[in-house]
């Protein structure tokens, strides 16, 4: 029998296997805790990003254009909607069917490039024209908001 004050001789298997089992259990518990914490952290980050993605938007994503001629358009989503008194998402995030805008449908959870190709297709404008028709078209009809290229496409970083 080994007392607390005795040192065990190297190679004594009973205690070695017991220590090994205890260490394995500790490592397993730590991995589970770590995986749980990592999962909770990732879920939190995902929810925060999803909740604020439109509100925090500062630049229109132009990454789908292979060689953009101008800087991405500056667009502060929440500021814009408050100033323009826009409450309905489908005012800008539209859905069309057979050439008619569906009033009760919204594409807010999609990128414009998911519906609009770079080049026009039958009955549908290309992506750049779609952006310009949607934004400039509204600005012209409301007689307010930027309509000149340099008013939206400014060479500056995200604020």
C-alpha atoms as a PDB file:
ATOM      1  CA  UNK A   1       0.000   0.000   0.000  1.00  0.00           C
ATOM      2  CA  UNK A   2       1.206   3.489  -0.810  1.00  0.00           C
ATOM      3  CA  UNK A   3       0.801   6.276   1.712  1.00  0.00           C
ATOM      4  CA  UNK A   4       0.467   9.920   0.845  1.00  0.00           C
ATOM      5  CA  UNK A   5       4.079  10.590   1.739  1.00  0.00           C
ATOM      6  CA  UNK A   6       5.605   7.738  -0.167  1.00  0.00           C
ATOM      7  CA  UNK A   7       6.753   8.253  -3.668  1.00  0.00           C
ATOM      8  CA  UNK A   8       5.681   5.684  -6.105  1.00  0.00           C
ATOM      9  CA  UNK A   9       8.322   3.956  -8.074  1.00  0.00           C
ATOM     10  CA  UNK A  10       8.292   4.687 -11.759  1.00  0.00           C
ATOM     11  CA  UNK A  11       6.524   2.031 -13.723  1.00  0.00           C
ATOM     12  CA  UNK A  12       3.921   1.241 -11.058  1.00  0.00           C
ATOM     13  CA  UNK A  13       0.916   0.616 -13.249  1.00  0.00           C
ATOM     14  CA  UNK A  14      -1.970   0.896 -10.826  1.00  0.00           C
ATOM     15  CA  UNK A  15      -1.473   4.557 -10.039  1.00  0.00           C
ATOM     16  CA  UNK A  16      -0.244   5.445 -13.545  1.00  0.00           C
ATOM     17  CA  UNK A  17      -3.385   4.083 -15.155  1.00  0.00           C
ATOM     18  CA  UNK A  18      -5.548   5.834 -12.536  1.00  0.00           C
ATOM     19  CA  UNK A  19      -3.796   9.165 -13.197  1.00  0.00           C
ATOM     20  CA  UNK A  20      -4.091   8.632 -16.929  1.00  0.00           C
ATOM     21  CA  UNK A  21      -7.845   7.961 -16.614  1.00  0.00           C
ATOM     22  CA  UNK A  22      -8.363  11.043 -14.439  1.00  0.00           C
ATOM     23  CA  UNK A  23      -6.375  13.197 -16.859  1.00  0.00           C
ATOM     24  CA  UNK A  24      -8.393  11.865 -19.800  1.00  0.00           C
ATOM     25  CA  UNK A  25     -11.655  12.682 -18.009  1.00  0.00           C
ATOM     26  CA  UNK A  26     -10.451  16.207 -17.205  1.00  0.00           C
ATOM     27  CA  UNK A  27      -9.373  16.806 -20.802  1.00  0.00           C
ATOM     28  CA  UNK A  28     -12.678  15.461 -22.082  1.00  0.00           C
ATOM     29  CA  UNK A  29     -14.654  17.763 -19.750  1.00  0.00           C
ATOM     30  CA  UNK A  30     -12.506  20.735 -20.758  1.00  0.00           C
ATOM     31  CA  UNK A  31     -13.048  19.986 -24.444  1.00  0.00           C
ATOM     32  CA  UNK A  32     -16.809  19.804 -23.892  1.00  0.00           C
ATOM     33  CA  UNK A  33     -16.794  23.080 -21.970  1.00  0.00           C
ATOM     34  CA  UNK A  34     -14.594  24.699 -24.601  1.00  0.00           C
ATOM     35  CA  UNK A  35     -16.816  23.484 -27.430  1.00  0.00           C
ATOM     36  CA  UNK A  36     -19.902  24.725 -25.575  1.00  0.00           C
ATOM     37  CA  UNK A  37     -18.361  28.125 -24.927  1.00  0.00           C
ATOM     38  CA  UNK A  38     -17.145  28.409 -28.513  1.00  0.00           C
ATOM     39  CA  UNK A  39     -20.603  27.461 -29.804  1.00  0.00           C
ATOM     40  CA  UNK A  40     -22.272  30.035 -27.572  1.00  0.00           C
ATOM     41  CA  UNK A  41     -19.798  32.707 -28.655  1.00  0.00           C
ATOM     42  CA  UNK A  42     -20.292  31.963 -32.366  1.00  0.00           C
ATOM     43  CA  UNK A  43     -24.066  32.001 -31.979  1.00  0.00           C
ATOM     44  CA  UNK A  44     -23.917  35.340 -30.171  1.00  0.00           C
ATOM     45  CA  UNK A  45     -21.702  36.888 -32.849  1.00  0.00           C
ATOM     46  CA  UNK A  46     -23.952  35.541 -35.613  1.00  0.00           C
ATOM     47  CA  UNK A  47     -27.088  36.957 -33.985  1.00  0.00           C
ATOM     48  CA  UNK A  48     -25.509  40.351 -33.395  1.00  0.00           C
ATOM     49  CA  UNK A  49     -24.255  40.570 -36.987  1.00  0.00           C
ATOM     50  CA  UNK A  50     -27.628  39.467 -38.369  1.00  0.00           C
ATOM     51  CA  UNK A  51     -29.519  41.938 -36.199  1.00  0.00           C
ATOM     52  CA  UNK A  52     -27.399  44.925 -37.162  1.00  0.00           C
ATOM     53  CA  UNK A  53     -26.297  44.071 -40.694  1.00  0.00           C
ATOM     54  CA  UNK A  54     -28.649  46.484 -42.468  1.00  0.00           C
ATOM     55  CA  UNK A  55     -28.720  49.132 -39.759  1.00  0.00           C
ATOM     56  CA  UNK A  56     -24.936  49.358 -39.657  1.00  0.00           C
ATOM     57  CA  UNK A  57     -24.492  49.260 -43.423  1.00  0.00           C
ATOM     58  CA  UNK A  58     -22.258  52.109 -44.594  1.00  0.00           C
ATOM     59  CA  UNK A  59     -21.182  51.035 -48.095  1.00  0.00           C
ATOM     60  CA  UNK A  60     -23.149  49.172 -50.735  1.00  0.00           C
ATOM     61  CA  UNK A  61     -21.360  45.898 -51.430  1.00  0.00           C
ATOM     62  CA  UNK A  62     -19.822  46.155 -54.891  1.00  0.00           C
ATOM     63  CA  UNK A  63     -17.631  43.051 -54.605  1.00  0.00           C
ATOM     64  CA  UNK A  64     -19.580  41.246 -57.346  1.00  0.00           C
ATOM     65  CA  UNK A  65     -18.339  43.698 -59.967  1.00  0.00           C
ATOM     66  CA  UNK A  66     -15.073  42.371 -61.421  1.00  0.00           C
ATOM     67  CA  UNK A  67     -13.529  45.812 -62.080  1.00  0.00           C
ATOM     68  CA  UNK A  68     -15.612  48.570 -60.476  1.00  0.00           C
ATOM     69  CA  UNK A  69     -15.110  51.920 -62.200  1.00  0.00           C
ATOM     70  CA  UNK A  70     -16.101  53.847 -59.074  1.00  0.00           C
ATOM     71  CA  UNK A  71     -15.885  53.421 -55.324  1.00  0.00           C
ATOM     72  CA  UNK A  72     -18.732  51.642 -53.567  1.00  0.00           C
ATOM     73  CA  UNK A  73     -21.705  53.896 -52.857  1.00  0.00           C
ATOM     74  CA  UNK A  74     -21.856  55.337 -49.400  1.00  0.00           C
ATOM     75  CA  UNK A  75     -25.170  54.375 -47.893  1.00  0.00           C
ATOM     76  CA  UNK A  76     -26.068  54.699 -44.235  1.00  0.00           C
ATOM     77  CA  UNK A  77     -29.124  52.460 -44.191  1.00  0.00           C
ATOM     78  CA  UNK A  78     -30.819  53.512 -40.958  1.00  0.00           C
ATOM     79  CA  UNK A  79     -30.029  57.210 -41.407  1.00  0.00           C
ATOM     80  CA  UNK A  80     -31.413  57.084 -44.945  1.00  0.00           C
ATOM     81  CA  UNK A  81     -34.644  55.375 -43.936  1.00  0.00           C
ATOM     82  CA  UNK A  82     -35.275  57.803 -41.088  1.00  0.00           C
ATOM     83  CA  UNK A  83     -34.606  60.864 -43.273  1.00  0.00           C
ATOM     84  CA  UNK A  84     -36.743  59.491 -46.127  1.00  0.00           C
ATOM     85  CA  UNK A  85     -39.461  58.329 -43.701  1.00  0.00           C
ATOM     86  CA  UNK A  86     -39.312  54.768 -45.079  1.00  0.00           C
ATOM     87  CA  UNK A  87     -40.817  52.137 -42.804  1.00  0.00           C
ATOM     88  CA  UNK A  88     -41.581  49.297 -45.222  1.00  0.00           C
ATOM     89  CA  UNK A  89     -38.526  47.238 -46.207  1.00  0.00           C
ATOM     90  CA  UNK A  90     -40.076  46.294 -49.555  1.00  0.00           C
ATOM     91  CA  UNK A  91     -39.992  49.947 -50.553  1.00  0.00           C
ATOM     92  CA  UNK A  92     -36.397  49.307 -51.633  1.00  0.00           C
ATOM     93  CA  UNK A  93     -36.041  45.535 -51.188  1.00  0.00           C
ATOM     94  CA  UNK A  94     -38.608  44.709 -53.825  1.00  0.00           C
ATOM     95  CA  UNK A  95     -39.872  41.479 -55.370  1.00  0.00           C
ATOM     96  CA  UNK A  96     -41.324  41.414 -58.866  1.00  0.00           C
ATOM     97  CA  UNK A  97     -43.456  38.725 -60.464  1.00  0.00           C
ATOM     98  CA  UNK A  98     -44.528  38.917 -64.116  1.00  0.00           C
ATOM     99  CA  UNK A  99     -43.333  42.525 -64.247  1.00  0.00           C
ATOM    100  CA  UNK A 100     -45.439  43.637 -61.273  1.00  0.00           C
ATOM    101  CA  UNK A 101     -44.079  44.618 -57.858  1.00  0.00           C
ATOM    102  CA  UNK A 102     -45.507  42.406 -55.128  1.00  0.00           C
ATOM    103  CA  UNK A 103     -46.571  44.773 -52.348  1.00  0.00           C
ATOM    104  CA  UNK A 104     -46.478  42.218 -49.526  1.00  0.00           C
ATOM    105  CA  UNK A 105     -43.124  40.645 -50.440  1.00  0.00           C
ATOM    106  CA  UNK A 106     -39.629  41.775 -49.470  1.00  0.00           C
ATOM    107  CA  UNK A 107     -36.155  40.688 -50.527  1.00  0.00           C
ATOM    108  CA  UNK A 108     -34.410  42.235 -47.506  1.00  0.00           C
ATOM    109  CA  UNK A 109     -32.699  38.963 -46.604  1.00  0.00           C
ATOM    110  CA  UNK A 110     -31.106  38.662 -50.050  1.00  0.00           C
ATOM    111  CA  UNK A 111     -28.328  40.406 -51.922  1.00  0.00           C
ATOM    112  CA  UNK A 112     -29.398  42.335 -55.010  1.00  0.00           C
ATOM    113  CA  UNK A 113     -26.983  40.150 -56.993  1.00  0.00           C
ATOM    114  CA  UNK A 114     -29.028  37.062 -56.079  1.00  0.00           C
ATOM    115  CA  UNK A 115     -31.768  38.255 -58.459  1.00  0.00           C
ATOM    116  CA  UNK A 116     -29.908  40.612 -60.775  1.00  0.00           C
ATOM    117  CA  UNK A 117     -27.076  39.320 -62.945  1.00  0.00           C
ATOM    118  CA  UNK A 118     -24.256  41.652 -63.954  1.00  0.00           C
ATOM    119  CA  UNK A 119     -25.717  41.859 -67.459  1.00  0.00           C
ATOM    120  CA  UNK A 120     -29.409  42.434 -68.191  1.00  0.00           C
ATOM    121  CA  UNK A 121     -31.604  39.415 -68.790  1.00  0.00           C
ATOM    122  CA  UNK A 122     -34.995  39.227 -70.417  1.00  0.00           C
ATOM    123  CA  UNK A 123     -37.204  41.757 -68.653  1.00  0.00           C
ATOM    124  CA  UNK A 124     -34.718  42.407 -65.864  1.00  0.00           C
ATOM    125  CA  UNK A 125     -32.030  45.098 -65.664  1.00  0.00           C
ATOM    126  CA  UNK A 126     -28.426  44.225 -64.943  1.00  0.00           C
ATOM    127  CA  UNK A 127     -27.159  44.774 -61.407  1.00  0.00           C
ATOM    128  CA  UNK A 128     -25.654  48.240 -61.914  1.00  0.00           C
ATOM    129  CA  UNK A 129     -28.750  49.500 -63.699  1.00  0.00           C
ATOM    130  CA  UNK A 130     -30.955  47.936 -60.995  1.00  0.00           C
ATOM    131  CA  UNK A 131     -29.072  49.843 -58.292  1.00  0.00           C
ATOM    132  CA  UNK A 132     -29.332  53.086 -60.227  1.00  0.00           C
ATOM    133  CA  UNK A 133     -33.012  52.617 -61.153  1.00  0.00           C
ATOM    134  CA  UNK A 134     -33.952  51.803 -57.577  1.00  0.00           C
ATOM    135  CA  UNK A 135     -31.970  54.568 -55.866  1.00  0.00           C
ATOM    136  CA  UNK A 136     -31.817  57.352 -58.436  1.00  0.00           C
ATOM    137  CA  UNK A 137     -35.329  56.590 -59.646  1.00  0.00           C
ATOM    138  CA  UNK A 138     -36.719  57.199 -56.181  1.00  0.00           C
ATOM    139  CA  UNK A 139     -34.551  60.281 -55.648  1.00  0.00           C
ATOM    140  CA  UNK A 140     -35.755  61.763 -58.943  1.00  0.00           C
ATOM    141  CA  UNK A 141     -39.428  61.011 -58.304  1.00  0.00           C
ATOM    142  CA  UNK A 142     -39.253  62.361 -54.745  1.00  0.00           C
ATOM    143  CA  UNK A 143     -37.163  65.331 -55.930  1.00  0.00           C
ATOM    144  CA  UNK A 144     -34.652  64.805 -53.127  1.00  0.00           C
ATOM    145  CA  UNK A 145     -31.516  62.779 -52.570  1.00  0.00           C
ATOM    146  CA  UNK A 146     -28.311  62.437 -54.569  1.00  0.00           C
ATOM    147  CA  UNK A 147     -28.449  61.787 -58.304  1.00  0.00           C
ATOM    148  CA  UNK A 148     -24.950  62.704 -59.502  1.00  0.00           C
ATOM    149  CA  UNK A 149     -22.277  59.975 -59.536  1.00  0.00           C
ATOM    150  CA  UNK A 150     -19.863  61.644 -57.114  1.00  0.00           C
ATOM    151  CA  UNK A 151     -22.592  62.240 -54.541  1.00  0.00           C
ATOM    152  CA  UNK A 152     -22.819  58.507 -53.774  1.00  0.00           C
ATOM    153  CA  UNK A 153     -19.556  57.112 -55.134  1.00  0.00           C
ATOM    154  CA  UNK A 154     -16.978  58.839 -52.938  1.00  0.00           C
ATOM    155  CA  UNK A 155     -13.435  57.605 -52.405  1.00  0.00           C
ATOM    156  CA  UNK A 156     -13.346  57.229 -48.652  1.00  0.00           C
ATOM    157  CA  UNK A 157     -13.164  54.398 -46.157  1.00  0.00           C
ATOM    158  CA  UNK A 158     -15.962  53.170 -43.920  1.00  0.00           C
ATOM    159  CA  UNK A 159     -16.805  55.568 -41.133  1.00  0.00           C
END
